[in-house]
Amino acid sequence: MARPTKMTEELKSACLAYVQDYEMHGHAVPSVAGMAVVVGVARGTLHRWASENTEFSDILDAVNEMQEFKAMNGGLTNTFNAQIVKLLLGKHGYHDKMDADLSSRDGTMSPKPTRIELVAPSLEE
């Protein structure tokens, strides 16, 4: 027999309120973990509810979007630590990657074609 769910309209409202009022709880950026602590439900339970309920999935999406926005804004205004911003934004698909182009305009760094010759062993020996 399945246990009754704790997901009620009041709990959904509390989760949505967290997205808007996370700073009231002393959080610099909103997070699913922060929401879990505030509403008293395990983070895994919140993710399970999101997989089962599109309305709740939208609430978790809103938390992640607000986190991305606040991290980006905090990084651009230099109000957040750059390493923490990098870590947060990495979770949202941002990355710092340098592409190396190992060619030159004049072709001097282009790979040279390699010629391989097969030589049969001599039969005179």
PDB file of N, CA and C in Angstrom:
ATOM      1  N   MET A   1       0.846  -1.177   0.000  1.00  0.00           N
ATOM      2  CA  MET A   1       0.000   0.000   0.000  1.00  0.00           C
ATOM      3  C   MET A   1       0.894   1.244   0.000  1.00  0.00           C
ATOM      4  N   ALA A   2       0.646   2.148  -0.907  1.00  0.00           N
ATOM      5  CA  ALA A   2       1.456   3.358  -1.037  1.00  0.00           C
ATOM      6  C   ALA A   2       1.148   4.337   0.093  1.00  0.00           C
ATOM      7  N   ARG A   3       2.213   5.024   0.498  1.00  0.00           N
ATOM      8  CA  ARG A   3       2.025   6.039   1.537  1.00  0.00           C
ATOM      9  C   ARG A   3       1.310   7.245   0.943  1.00  0.00           C
ATOM     10  N   PRO A   4       0.546   7.946   1.749  1.00  0.00           N
ATOM     11  CA  PRO A   4      -0.095   9.176   1.242  1.00  0.00           C
ATOM     12  C   PRO A   4       0.971  10.244   0.989  1.00  0.00           C
ATOM     13  N   THR A   5       0.758  11.047  -0.026  1.00  0.00           N
ATOM     14  CA  THR A   5       1.726  12.081  -0.382  1.00  0.00           C
ATOM     15  C   THR A   5       1.582  13.300   0.520  1.00  0.00           C
ATOM     16  N   LYS A   6       2.711  13.955   0.747  1.00  0.00           N
ATOM     17  CA  LYS A   6       2.704  15.206   1.507  1.00  0.00           C
ATOM     18  C   LYS A   6       2.435  16.401   0.602  1.00  0.00           C
ATOM     19  N   MET A   7       2.426  16.149  -0.711  1.00  0.00           N
ATOM     20  CA  MET A   7       2.253  17.263  -1.640  1.00  0.00           C
ATOM     21  C   MET A   7       0.805  17.744  -1.593  1.00  0.00           C
ATOM     22  N   THR A   8       0.643  18.910  -1.041  1.00  0.00           N
ATOM     23  CA  THR A   8      -0.669  19.537  -0.947  1.00  0.00           C
ATOM     24  C   THR A   8      -0.592  20.882  -1.652  1.00  0.00           C
ATOM     25  N   GLU A   9      -1.709  21.515  -1.822  1.00  0.00           N
ATOM     26  CA  GLU A   9      -1.727  22.853  -2.425  1.00  0.00           C
ATOM     27  C   GLU A   9      -0.962  23.846  -1.542  1.00  0.00           C
ATOM     28  N   GLU A  10      -1.032  23.671  -0.226  1.00  0.00           N
ATOM     29  CA  GLU A  10      -0.300  24.556   0.691  1.00  0.00           C
ATOM     30  C   GLU A  10       1.207  24.387   0.525  1.00  0.00           C
ATOM     31  N   LEU A  11       1.634  23.131   0.361  1.00  0.00           N
ATOM     32  CA  LEU A  11       3.064  22.885   0.188  1.00  0.00           C
ATOM     33  C   LEU A  11       3.542  23.444  -1.153  1.00  0.00           C
ATOM     34  N   LYS A  12       2.742  23.282  -2.212  1.00  0.00           N
ATOM     35  CA  LYS A  12       3.096  23.865  -3.510  1.00  0.00           C
ATOM     36  C   LYS A  12       3.203  25.381  -3.387  1.00  0.00           C
ATOM     37  N   SER A  13       2.269  25.977  -2.656  1.00  0.00           N
ATOM     38  CA  SER A  13       2.302  27.432  -2.466  1.00  0.00           C
ATOM     39  C   SER A  13       3.542  27.855  -1.698  1.00  0.00           C
ATOM     40  N   ALA A  14       3.918  27.057  -0.694  1.00  0.00           N
ATOM     41  CA  ALA A  14       5.119  27.365   0.091  1.00  0.00           C
ATOM     42  C   ALA A  14       6.372  27.263  -0.780  1.00  0.00           C
ATOM     43  N   CYS A  15       6.400  26.282  -1.667  1.00  0.00           N
ATOM     44  CA  CYS A  15       7.547  26.123  -2.575  1.00  0.00           C
ATOM     45  C   CYS A  15       7.622  27.280  -3.557  1.00  0.00           C
ATOM     46  N   LEU A  16       6.488  27.688  -4.086  1.00  0.00           N
ATOM     47  CA  LEU A  16       6.465  28.819  -5.000  1.00  0.00           C
ATOM     48  C   LEU A  16       6.850  30.110  -4.286  1.00  0.00           C
ATOM     49  N   ALA A  17       6.398  30.261  -3.052  1.00  0.00           N
ATOM     50  CA  ALA A  17       6.760  31.445  -2.262  1.00  0.00           C
ATOM     51  C   ALA A  17       8.259  31.479  -2.010  1.00  0.00           C
ATOM     52  N   TYR A  18       8.876  30.303  -1.828  1.00  0.00           N
ATOM     53  CA  TYR A  18      10.321  30.253  -1.611  1.00  0.00           C
ATOM     54  C   TYR A  18      11.073  30.840  -2.804  1.00  0.00           C
ATOM     55  N   VAL A  19      10.600  30.556  -4.011  1.00  0.00           N
ATOM     56  CA  VAL A  19      11.265  31.068  -5.215  1.00  0.00           C
ATOM     57  C   VAL A  19      11.309  32.595  -5.168  1.00  0.00           C
ATOM     58  N   GLN A  20      10.265  33.200  -4.682  1.00  0.00           N
ATOM     59  CA  GLN A  20      10.171  34.652  -4.652  1.00  0.00           C
ATOM     60  C   GLN A  20      10.788  35.267  -3.398  1.00  0.00           C
ATOM     61  N   ASP A  21      10.785  34.517  -2.284  1.00  0.00           N
ATOM     62  CA  ASP A  21      11.221  35.081  -0.999  1.00  0.00           C
ATOM     63  C   ASP A  21      12.386  34.326  -0.370  1.00  0.00           C
ATOM     64  N   TYR A  22      13.242  33.702  -1.177  1.00  0.00           N
ATOM     65  CA  TYR A  22      14.355  32.916  -0.636  1.00  0.00           C
ATOM     66  C   TYR A  22      15.289  33.776   0.219  1.00  0.00           C
ATOM     67  N   GLU A  23      15.426  35.061  -0.119  1.00  0.00           N
ATOM     68  CA  GLU A  23      16.315  35.942   0.652  1.00  0.00           C
ATOM     69  C   GLU A  23      15.815  36.117   2.084  1.00  0.00           C
ATOM     70  N   MET A  24      14.516  36.015   2.274  1.00  0.00           N
ATOM     71  CA  MET A  24      13.932  36.130   3.607  1.00  0.00           C
ATOM     72  C   MET A  24      14.467  35.016   4.525  1.00  0.00           C
ATOM     73  N   HIS A  25      14.891  33.913   3.930  1.00  0.00           N
ATOM     74  CA  HIS A  25      15.424  32.782   4.696  1.00  0.00           C
ATOM     75  C   HIS A  25      16.941  32.849   4.833  1.00  0.00           C
ATOM     76  N   GLY A  26      17.538  33.940   4.346  1.00  0.00           N
ATOM     77  CA  GLY A  26      18.983  34.116   4.440  1.00  0.00           C
ATOM     78  C   GLY A  26      19.762  33.444   3.331  1.00  0.00           C
ATOM     79  N   HIS A  27      19.110  33.088   2.249  1.00  0.00           N
ATOM     80  CA  HIS A  27      19.780  32.420   1.137  1.00  0.00           C
ATOM     81  C   HIS A  27      20.212  33.447   0.101  1.00  0.00           C
ATOM     82  N   ALA A  28      21.454  33.348  -0.340  1.00  0.00           N
ATOM     83  CA  ALA A  28      21.970  34.281  -1.348  1.00  0.00           C
ATOM     84  C   ALA A  28      21.369  33.993  -2.715  1.00  0.00           C
ATOM     85  N   VAL A  29      21.188  32.722  -3.019  1.00  0.00           N
ATOM     86  CA  VAL A  29      20.532  32.294  -4.266  1.00  0.00           C
ATOM     87  C   VAL A  29      19.555  31.179  -3.903  1.00  0.00           C
ATOM     88  N   PRO A  30      18.477  31.063  -4.660  1.00  0.00           N
ATOM     89  CA  PRO A  30      17.545  29.963  -4.372  1.00  0.00           C
ATOM     90  C   PRO A  30      18.118  28.643  -4.856  1.00  0.00           C
ATOM     91  N   SER A  31      17.716  27.567  -4.225  1.00  0.00           N
ATOM     92  CA  SER A  31      18.163  26.249  -4.642  1.00  0.00           C
ATOM     93  C   SER A  31      17.113  25.226  -4.232  1.00  0.00           C
ATOM     94  N   VAL A  32      17.151  24.079  -4.875  1.00  0.00           N
ATOM     95  CA  VAL A  32      16.231  23.003  -4.514  1.00  0.00           C
ATOM     96  C   VAL A  32      16.544  22.536  -3.092  1.00  0.00           C
ATOM     97  N   ALA A  33      17.825  22.489  -2.743  1.00  0.00           N
ATOM     98  CA  ALA A  33      18.204  22.092  -1.381  1.00  0.00           C
ATOM     99  C   ALA A  33      17.660  23.093  -0.361  1.00  0.00           C
ATOM    100  N   GLY A  34      17.763  24.387  -0.676  1.00  0.00           N
ATOM    101  CA  GLY A  34      17.223  25.408   0.215  1.00  0.00           C
ATOM    102  C   GLY A  34      15.726  25.289   0.358  1.00  0.00           C
ATOM    103  N   MET A  35      15.047  25.028  -0.746  1.00  0.00           N
ATOM    104  CA  MET A  35      13.596  24.838  -0.704  1.00  0.00           C
ATOM    105  C   MET A  35      13.240  23.645   0.171  1.00  0.00           C
ATOM    106  N   ALA A  36      14.001  22.559   0.026  1.00  0.00           N
ATOM    107  CA  ALA A  36      13.744  21.354   0.810  1.00  0.00           C
ATOM    108  C   ALA A  36      13.854  21.640   2.306  1.00  0.00           C
ATOM    109  N   VAL A  37      14.870  22.399   2.683  1.00  0.00           N
ATOM    110  CA  VAL A  37      15.054  22.738   4.098  1.00  0.00           C
ATOM    111  C   VAL A  37      13.895  23.604   4.595  1.00  0.00           C
ATOM    112  N   VAL A  38      13.506  24.598   3.803  1.00  0.00           N
ATOM    113  CA  VAL A  38      12.463  25.531   4.218  1.00  0.00           C
ATOM    114  C   VAL A  38      11.105  24.846   4.367  1.00  0.00           C
ATOM    115  N   VAL A  39      10.758  23.976   3.415  1.00  0.00           N
ATOM    116  CA  VAL A  39       9.434  23.342   3.483  1.00  0.00           C
ATOM    117  C   VAL A  39       9.449  22.028   4.244  1.00  0.00           C
ATOM    118  N   GLY A  40      10.625  21.540   4.619  1.00  0.00           N
ATOM    119  CA  GLY A  40      10.719  20.339   5.442  1.00  0.00           C
ATOM    120  C   GLY A  40      10.475  19.035   4.709  1.00  0.00           C
ATOM    121  N   VAL A  41      10.931  18.976   3.450  1.00  0.00           N
ATOM    122  CA  VAL A  41      10.779  17.767   2.635  1.00  0.00           C
ATOM    123  C   VAL A  41      12.145  17.463   2.029  1.00  0.00           C
ATOM    124  N   ALA A  42      12.458  16.200   1.867  1.00  0.00           N
ATOM    125  CA  ALA A  42      13.744  15.810   1.286  1.00  0.00           C
ATOM    126  C   ALA A  42      13.853  16.275  -0.163  1.00  0.00           C
ATOM    127  N   ARG A  43      15.068  16.627  -0.567  1.00  0.00           N
ATOM    128  CA  ARG A  43      15.312  17.085  -1.931  1.00  0.00           C
ATOM    129  C   ARG A  43      14.903  16.021  -2.950  1.00  0.00           C
ATOM    130  N   GLY A  44      15.197  14.772  -2.670  1.00  0.00           N
ATOM    131  CA  GLY A  44      14.812  13.685  -3.562  1.00  0.00           C
ATOM    132  C   GLY A  44      13.300  13.600  -3.744  1.00  0.00           C
ATOM    133  N   THR A  45      12.573  13.875  -2.681  1.00  0.00           N
ATOM    134  CA  THR A  45      11.108  13.875  -2.756  1.00  0.00           C
ATOM    135  C   THR A  45      10.630  14.989  -3.672  1.00  0.00           C
ATOM    136  N   LEU A  46      11.255  16.160  -3.579  1.00  0.00           N
ATOM    137  CA  LEU A  46      10.882  17.269  -4.461  1.00  0.00           C
ATOM    138  C   LEU A  46      11.113  16.891  -5.924  1.00  0.00           C
ATOM    139  N   HIS A  47      12.237  16.244  -6.207  1.00  0.00           N
ATOM    140  CA  HIS A  47      12.524  15.821  -7.577  1.00  0.00           C
ATOM    141  C   HIS A  47      11.538  14.742  -8.046  1.00  0.00           C
ATOM    142  N   ARG A  48      11.176  13.848  -7.154  1.00  0.00           N
ATOM    143  CA  ARG A  48      10.204  12.806  -7.516  1.00  0.00           C
ATOM    144  C   ARG A  48       8.860  13.440  -7.839  1.00  0.00           C
ATOM    145  N   TRP A  49       8.436  14.394  -7.004  1.00  0.00           N
ATOM    146  CA  TRP A  49       7.168  15.088  -7.274  1.00  0.00           C
ATOM    147  C   TRP A  49       7.220  15.807  -8.615  1.00  0.00           C
ATOM    148  N   ALA A  50       8.364  16.394  -8.933  1.00  0.00           N
ATOM    149  CA  ALA A  50       8.504  17.109 -10.203  1.00  0.00           C
ATOM    150  C   ALA A  50       8.387  16.147 -11.381  1.00  0.00           C
ATOM    151  N   SER A  51       8.874  14.921 -11.217  1.00  0.00           N
ATOM    152  CA  SER A  51       8.768  13.949 -12.304  1.00  0.00           C
ATOM    153  C   SER A  51       7.344  13.435 -12.483  1.00  0.00           C
ATOM    154  N   GLU A  52       6.550  13.553 -11.435  1.00  0.00           N
ATOM    155  CA  GLU A  52       5.170  13.051 -11.473  1.00  0.00           C
ATOM    156  C   GLU A  52       4.130  14.136 -11.737  1.00  0.00           C
ATOM    157  N   ASN A  53       4.503  15.404 -11.574  1.00  0.00           N
ATOM    158  CA  ASN A  53       3.519  16.479 -11.614  1.00  0.00           C
ATOM    159  C   ASN A  53       4.106  17.663 -12.378  1.00  0.00           C
ATOM    160  N   THR A  54       3.497  18.027 -13.498  1.00  0.00           N
ATOM    161  CA  THR A  54       4.055  19.109 -14.317  1.00  0.00           C
ATOM    162  C   THR A  54       3.994  20.455 -13.613  1.00  0.00           C
ATOM    163  N   GLU A  55       2.973  20.677 -12.801  1.00  0.00           N
ATOM    164  CA  GLU A  55       2.886  21.947 -12.074  1.00  0.00           C
ATOM    165  C   GLU A  55       4.053  22.066 -11.097  1.00  0.00           C
ATOM    166  N   PHE A  56       4.369  20.986 -10.417  1.00  0.00           N
ATOM    167  CA  PHE A  56       5.486  21.025  -9.478  1.00  0.00           C
ATOM    168  C   PHE A  56       6.814  21.094 -10.223  1.00  0.00           C
ATOM    169  N   SER A  57       6.882  20.460 -11.383  1.00  0.00           N
ATOM    170  CA  SER A  57       8.081  20.551 -12.212  1.00  0.00           C
ATOM    171  C   SER A  57       8.350  22.003 -12.598  1.00  0.00           C
ATOM    172  N   ASP A  58       7.296  22.752 -12.898  1.00  0.00           N
ATOM    173  CA  ASP A  58       7.441  24.172 -13.225  1.00  0.00           C
ATOM    174  C   ASP A  58       8.000  24.966 -12.047  1.00  0.00           C
ATOM    175  N   ILE A  59       7.635  24.577 -10.839  1.00  0.00           N
ATOM    176  CA  ILE A  59       8.146  25.265  -9.649  1.00  0.00           C
ATOM    177  C   ILE A  59       9.651  25.024  -9.505  1.00  0.00           C
ATOM    178  N   LEU A  60      10.090  23.776  -9.706  1.00  0.00           N
ATOM    179  CA  LEU A  60      11.530  23.493  -9.616  1.00  0.00           C
ATOM    180  C   LEU A  60      12.286  24.168 -10.752  1.00  0.00           C
ATOM    181  N   ASP A  61      11.668  24.237 -11.935  1.00  0.00           N
ATOM    182  CA  ASP A  61      12.290  24.974 -13.041  1.00  0.00           C
ATOM    183  C   ASP A  61      12.460  26.443 -12.666  1.00  0.00           C
ATOM    184  N   ALA A  62      11.467  27.007 -11.991  1.00  0.00           N
ATOM    185  CA  ALA A  62      11.539  28.415 -11.586  1.00  0.00           C
ATOM    186  C   ALA A  62      12.681  28.634 -10.594  1.00  0.00           C
ATOM    187  N   VAL A  63      12.899  27.683  -9.685  1.00  0.00           N
ATOM    188  CA  VAL A  63      14.019  27.781  -8.739  1.00  0.00           C
ATOM    189  C   VAL A  63      15.337  27.803  -9.502  1.00  0.00           C
ATOM    190  N   ASN A  64      15.486  26.892 -10.451  1.00  0.00           N
ATOM    191  CA  ASN A  64      16.737  26.818 -11.208  1.00  0.00           C
ATOM    192  C   ASN A  64      16.950  28.040 -12.093  1.00  0.00           C
ATOM    193  N   GLU A  65      15.885  28.546 -12.683  1.00  0.00           N
ATOM    194  CA  GLU A  65      16.009  29.750 -13.512  1.00  0.00           C
ATOM    195  C   GLU A  65      16.392  30.963 -12.669  1.00  0.00           C
ATOM    196  N   MET A  66      15.790  31.085 -11.491  1.00  0.00           N
ATOM    197  CA  MET A  66      16.129  32.203 -10.610  1.00  0.00           C
ATOM    198  C   MET A  66      17.565  32.067 -10.116  1.00  0.00           C
ATOM    199  N   GLN A  67      17.999  30.840  -9.839  1.00  0.00           N
ATOM    200  CA  GLN A  67      19.384  30.622  -9.413  1.00  0.00           C
ATOM    201  C   GLN A  67      20.349  31.040 -10.516  1.00  0.00           C
ATOM    202  N   GLU A  68      20.060  30.644 -11.744  1.00  0.00           N
ATOM    203  CA  GLU A  68      20.909  31.013 -12.872  1.00  0.00           C
ATOM    204  C   GLU A  68      20.962  32.532 -13.035  1.00  0.00           C
ATOM    205  N   PHE A  69      19.804  33.173 -12.961  1.00  0.00           N
ATOM    206  CA  PHE A  69      19.728  34.629 -13.116  1.00  0.00           C
ATOM    207  C   PHE A  69      20.512  35.349 -12.014  1.00  0.00           C
ATOM    208  N   LYS A  70      20.308  34.933 -10.773  1.00  0.00           N
ATOM    209  CA  LYS A  70      20.989  35.596  -9.653  1.00  0.00           C
ATOM    210  C   LYS A  70      22.496  35.363  -9.710  1.00  0.00           C
ATOM    211  N   ALA A  71      22.920  34.163 -10.088  1.00  0.00           N
ATOM    212  CA  ALA A  71      24.352  33.888 -10.193  1.00  0.00           C
ATOM    213  C   ALA A  71      24.981  34.720 -11.303  1.00  0.00           C
ATOM    214  N   MET A  72      24.326  34.773 -12.448  1.00  0.00           N
ATOM    215  CA  MET A  72      24.849  35.559 -13.570  1.00  0.00           C
ATOM    216  C   MET A  72      24.928  37.033 -13.181  1.00  0.00           C
ATOM    217  N   ASN A  73      23.862  37.539 -12.602  1.00  0.00           N
ATOM    218  CA  ASN A  73      23.828  38.944 -12.203  1.00  0.00           C
ATOM    219  C   ASN A  73      24.869  39.243 -11.122  1.00  0.00           C
ATOM    220  N   GLY A  74      24.993  38.349 -10.147  1.00  0.00           N
ATOM    221  CA  GLY A  74      25.979  38.533  -9.091  1.00  0.00           C
ATOM    222  C   GLY A  74      27.402  38.504  -9.612  1.00  0.00           C
ATOM    223  N   GLY A  75      27.647  37.678 -10.629  1.00  0.00           N
ATOM    224  CA  GLY A  75      28.971  37.633 -11.241  1.00  0.00           C
ATOM    225  C   GLY A  75      29.267  38.888 -12.038  1.00  0.00           C
ATOM    226  N   LEU A  76      28.274  39.375 -12.777  1.00  0.00           N
ATOM    227  CA  LEU A  76      28.476  40.566 -13.600  1.00  0.00           C
ATOM    228  C   LEU A  76      28.630  41.838 -12.773  1.00  0.00           C
ATOM    229  N   THR A  77      27.969  41.890 -11.631  1.00  0.00           N
ATOM    230  CA  THR A  77      28.072  43.070 -10.771  1.00  0.00           C
ATOM    231  C   THR A  77      29.161  42.919  -9.717  1.00  0.00           C
ATOM    232  N   ASN A  78      29.853  41.774  -9.742  1.00  0.00           N
ATOM    233  CA  ASN A  78      30.939  41.494  -8.813  1.00  0.00           C
ATOM    234  C   ASN A  78      30.486  41.488  -7.347  1.00  0.00           C
ATOM    235  N   THR A  79      29.230  41.078  -7.113  1.00  0.00           N
ATOM    236  CA  THR A  79      28.745  40.959  -5.741  1.00  0.00           C
ATOM    237  C   THR A  79      28.882  39.534  -5.216  1.00  0.00           C
ATOM    238  N   PHE A  80      29.126  38.568  -6.114  1.00  0.00           N
ATOM    239  CA  PHE A  80      29.335  37.183  -5.721  1.00  0.00           C
ATOM    240  C   PHE A  80      30.775  36.798  -6.053  1.00  0.00           C
ATOM    241  N   ASN A  81      31.311  35.864  -5.312  1.00  0.00           N
ATOM    242  CA  ASN A  81      32.631  35.315  -5.562  1.00  0.00           C
ATOM    243  C   ASN A  81      32.655  34.657  -6.944  1.00  0.00           C
ATOM    244  N   ALA A  82      33.649  34.987  -7.735  1.00  0.00           N
ATOM    245  CA  ALA A  82      33.731  34.505  -9.115  1.00  0.00           C
ATOM    246  C   ALA A  82      33.780  32.984  -9.195  1.00  0.00           C
ATOM    247  N   GLN A  83      34.494  32.342  -8.291  1.00  0.00           N
ATOM    248  CA  GLN A  83      34.588  30.877  -8.325  1.00  0.00           C
ATOM    249  C   GLN A  83      33.243  30.228  -8.009  1.00  0.00           C
ATOM    250  N   ILE A  84      32.494  30.824  -7.085  1.00  0.00           N
ATOM    251  CA  ILE A  84      31.172  30.291  -6.752  1.00  0.00           C
ATOM    252  C   ILE A  84      30.225  30.493  -7.928  1.00  0.00           C
ATOM    253  N   VAL A  85      30.300  31.644  -8.577  1.00  0.00           N
ATOM    254  CA  VAL A  85      29.470  31.907  -9.755  1.00  0.00           C
ATOM    255  C   VAL A  85      29.794  30.896 -10.845  1.00  0.00           C
ATOM    256  N   LYS A  86      31.064  30.631 -11.060  1.00  0.00           N
ATOM    257  CA  LYS A  86      31.491  29.662 -12.070  1.00  0.00           C
ATOM    258  C   LYS A  86      30.922  28.281 -11.752  1.00  0.00           C
ATOM    259  N   LEU A  87      30.978  27.909 -10.489  1.00  0.00           N
ATOM    260  CA  LEU A  87      30.441  26.622 -10.056  1.00  0.00           C
ATOM    261  C   LEU A  87      28.930  26.556 -10.284  1.00  0.00           C
ATOM    262  N   LEU A  88      28.219  27.604  -9.890  1.00  0.00           N
ATOM    263  CA  LEU A  88      26.765  27.638 -10.062  1.00  0.00           C
ATOM    264  C   LEU A  88      26.375  27.617 -11.535  1.00  0.00           C
ATOM    265  N   LEU A  89      27.035  28.416 -12.339  1.00  0.00           N
ATOM    266  CA  LEU A  89      26.668  28.494 -13.748  1.00  0.00           C
ATOM    267  C   LEU A  89      27.045  27.227 -14.508  1.00  0.00           C
ATOM    268  N   GLY A  90      28.049  26.504 -14.022  1.00  0.00           N
ATOM    269  CA  GLY A  90      28.394  25.227 -14.628  1.00  0.00           C
ATOM    270  C   GLY A  90      27.232  24.251 -14.552  1.00  0.00           C
ATOM    271  N   LYS A  91      26.459  24.346 -13.490  1.00  0.00           N
ATOM    272  CA  LYS A  91      25.280  23.507 -13.321  1.00  0.00           C
ATOM    273  C   LYS A  91      24.199  23.836 -14.351  1.00  0.00           C
ATOM    274  N   HIS A  92      24.264  25.027 -14.904  1.00  0.00           N
ATOM    275  CA  HIS A  92      23.253  25.476 -15.866  1.00  0.00           C
ATOM    276  C   HIS A  92      23.762  25.420 -17.305  1.00  0.00           C
ATOM    277  N   GLY A  93      24.882  24.741 -17.529  1.00  0.00           N
ATOM    278  CA  GLY A  93      25.374  24.529 -18.881  1.00  0.00           C
ATOM    279  C   GLY A  93      26.433  25.510 -19.349  1.00  0.00           C
ATOM    280  N   TYR A  94      26.795  26.486 -18.534  1.00  0.00           N
ATOM    281  CA  TYR A  94      27.845  27.426 -18.924  1.00  0.00           C
ATOM    282  C   TYR A  94      29.201  26.777 -18.669  1.00  0.00           C
ATOM    283  N   HIS A  95      30.196  27.147 -19.471  1.00  0.00           N
ATOM    284  CA  HIS A  95      31.544  26.633 -19.253  1.00  0.00           C
ATOM    285  C   HIS A  95      32.549  27.598 -19.857  1.00  0.00           C
ATOM    286  N   ASP A  96      33.760  27.516 -19.356  1.00  0.00           N
ATOM    287  CA  ASP A  96      34.835  28.301 -19.955  1.00  0.00           C
ATOM    288  C   ASP A  96      35.789  27.310 -20.609  1.00  0.00           C
ATOM    289  N   LYS A  97      35.763  27.312 -21.917  1.00  0.00           N
ATOM    290  CA  LYS A  97      36.564  26.375 -22.672  1.00  0.00           C
ATOM    291  C   LYS A  97      37.281  27.153 -23.755  1.00  0.00           C
ATOM    292  N   MET A  98      38.553  26.912 -23.870  1.00  0.00           N
ATOM    293  CA  MET A  98      39.320  27.579 -24.896  1.00  0.00           C
ATOM    294  C   MET A  98      39.533  26.587 -26.036  1.00  0.00           C
ATOM    295  N   ASP A  99      39.142  26.991 -27.224  1.00  0.00           N
ATOM    296  CA  ASP A  99      39.356  26.161 -28.393  1.00  0.00           C
ATOM    297  C   ASP A  99      40.721  26.486 -28.975  1.00  0.00           C
ATOM    298  N   ALA A 100      41.489  25.475 -29.242  1.00  0.00           N
ATOM    299  CA  ALA A 100      42.817  25.667 -29.817  1.00  0.00           C
ATOM    300  C   ALA A 100      42.769  25.363 -31.310  1.00  0.00           C
ATOM    301  N   ASP A 101      43.195  26.318 -32.102  1.00  0.00           N
ATOM    302  CA  ASP A 101      43.265  26.137 -33.545  1.00  0.00           C
ATOM    303  C   ASP A 101      44.738  25.958 -33.890  1.00  0.00           C
ATOM    304  N   LEU A 102      45.099  24.761 -34.264  1.00  0.00           N
ATOM    305  CA  LEU A 102      46.507  24.449 -34.508  1.00  0.00           C
ATOM    306  C   LEU A 102      46.869  24.555 -35.987  1.00  0.00           C
ATOM    307  N   SER A 103      46.371  25.577 -36.627  1.00  0.00           N
ATOM    308  CA  SER A 103      46.739  25.820 -38.019  1.00  0.00           C
ATOM    309  C   SER A 103      47.187  27.268 -38.153  1.00  0.00           C
ATOM    310  N   SER A 104      47.816  27.550 -39.256  1.00  0.00           N
ATOM    311  CA  SER A 104      48.263  28.916 -39.501  1.00  0.00           C
ATOM    312  C   SER A 104      47.716  29.390 -40.837  1.00  0.00           C
ATOM    313  N   ARG A 105      47.664  30.677 -40.995  1.00  0.00           N
ATOM    314  CA  ARG A 105      47.125  31.230 -42.232  1.00  0.00           C
ATOM    315  C   ARG A 105      47.994  30.889 -43.444  1.00  0.00           C
ATOM    316  N   ASP A 106      49.299  30.859 -43.248  1.00  0.00           N
ATOM    317  CA  ASP A 106      50.183  30.608 -44.398  1.00  0.00           C
ATOM    318  C   ASP A 106      50.410  29.120 -44.654  1.00  0.00           C
ATOM    319  N   GLY A 107      49.811  28.255 -43.856  1.00  0.00           N
ATOM    320  CA  GLY A 107      49.895  26.820 -44.097  1.00  0.00           C
ATOM    321  C   GLY A 107      51.126  26.149 -43.545  1.00  0.00           C
ATOM    322  N   THR A 108      52.014  26.898 -42.876  1.00  0.00           N
ATOM    323  CA  THR A 108      53.251  26.296 -42.374  1.00  0.00           C
ATOM    324  C   THR A 108      52.995  25.309 -41.244  1.00  0.00           C
ATOM    325  N   MET A 109      51.863  25.436 -40.562  1.00  0.00           N
ATOM    326  CA  MET A 109      51.575  24.515 -39.464  1.00  0.00           C
ATOM    327  C   MET A 109      50.605  23.418 -39.877  1.00  0.00           C
ATOM    328  N   SER A 110      50.271  23.352 -41.161  1.00  0.00           N
ATOM    329  CA  SER A 110      49.369  22.303 -41.644  1.00  0.00           C
ATOM    330  C   SER A 110      50.089  20.966 -41.628  1.00  0.00           C
ATOM    331  N   PRO A 111      49.368  19.895 -41.363  1.00  0.00           N
ATOM    332  CA  PRO A 111      50.030  18.585 -41.371  1.00  0.00           C
ATOM    333  C   PRO A 111      50.503  18.236 -42.776  1.00  0.00           C
ATOM    334  N   LYS A 112      51.693  17.682 -42.850  1.00  0.00           N
ATOM    335  CA  LYS A 112      52.274  17.281 -44.133  1.00  0.00           C
ATOM    336  C   LYS A 112      51.761  15.895 -44.486  1.00  0.00           C
ATOM    337  N   PRO A 113      51.464  15.671 -45.770  1.00  0.00           N
ATOM    338  CA  PRO A 113      51.025  14.326 -46.153  1.00  0.00           C
ATOM    339  C   PRO A 113      52.176  13.340 -45.948  1.00  0.00           C
ATOM    340  N   THR A 114      51.840  12.191 -45.484  1.00  0.00           N
ATOM    341  CA  THR A 114      52.839  11.161 -45.227  1.00  0.00           C
ATOM    342  C   THR A 114      52.749  10.106 -46.321  1.00  0.00           C
ATOM    343  N   ARG A 115      53.902   9.751 -46.868  1.00  0.00           N
ATOM    344  CA  ARG A 115      53.932   8.730 -47.911  1.00  0.00           C
ATOM    345  C   ARG A 115      54.570   7.484 -47.320  1.00  0.00           C
ATOM    346  N   ILE A 116      53.864   6.412 -47.438  1.00  0.00           N
ATOM    347  CA  ILE A 116      54.372   5.146 -46.920  1.00  0.00           C
ATOM    348  C   ILE A 116      54.627   4.227 -48.106  1.00  0.00           C
ATOM    349  N   GLU A 117      55.839   3.691 -48.188  1.00  0.00           N
ATOM    350  CA  GLU A 117      56.183   2.763 -49.252  1.00  0.00           C
ATOM    351  C   GLU A 117      56.400   1.393 -48.643  1.00  0.00           C
ATOM    352  N   LEU A 118      55.804   0.425 -49.262  1.00  0.00           N
ATOM    353  CA  LEU A 118      56.022  -0.940 -48.824  1.00  0.00           C
ATOM    354  C   LEU A 118      57.128  -1.542 -49.683  1.00  0.00           C
ATOM    355  N   VAL A 119      58.112  -2.074 -49.053  1.00  0.00           N
ATOM    356  CA  VAL A 119      59.252  -2.648 -49.759  1.00  0.00           C
ATOM    357  C   VAL A 119      59.265  -4.145 -49.471  1.00  0.00           C
ATOM    358  N   ALA A 120      59.271  -4.894 -50.525  1.00  0.00           N
ATOM    359  CA  ALA A 120      59.304  -6.344 -50.374  1.00  0.00           C
ATOM    360  C   ALA A 120      60.709  -6.792 -49.978  1.00  0.00           C
ATOM    361  N   PRO A 121      60.832  -7.783 -49.163  1.00  0.00           N
ATOM    362  CA  PRO A 121      62.168  -8.254 -48.788  1.00  0.00           C
ATOM    363  C   PRO A 121      62.916  -8.815 -50.011  1.00  0.00           C
ATOM    364  N   SER A 122      64.199  -8.659 -50.014  1.00  0.00           N
ATOM    365  CA  SER A 122      65.023  -9.124 -51.120  1.00  0.00           C
ATOM    366  C   SER A 122      65.131 -10.637 -51.084  1.00  0.00           C
ATOM    367  N   LEU A 123      65.078 -11.277 -52.244  1.00  0.00           N
ATOM    368  CA  LEU A 123      65.163 -12.717 -52.308  1.00  0.00           C
ATOM    369  C   LEU A 123      66.595 -13.201 -52.546  1.00  0.00           C
ATOM    370  N   GLU A 124      67.545 -12.293 -52.758  1.00  0.00           N
ATOM    371  CA  GLU A 124      68.916 -12.652 -53.092  1.00  0.00           C
ATOM    372  C   GLU A 124      69.702 -13.126 -51.880  1.00  0.00           C
ATOM    373  N   GLU A 125      69.280 -12.947 -50.742  1.00  0.00           N
ATOM    374  CA  GLU A 125      70.057 -13.318 -49.566  1.00  0.00           C
ATOM    375  C   GLU A 125      69.956 -14.728 -49.202  1.00  0.00           C
TER     376      GLU A 125
END
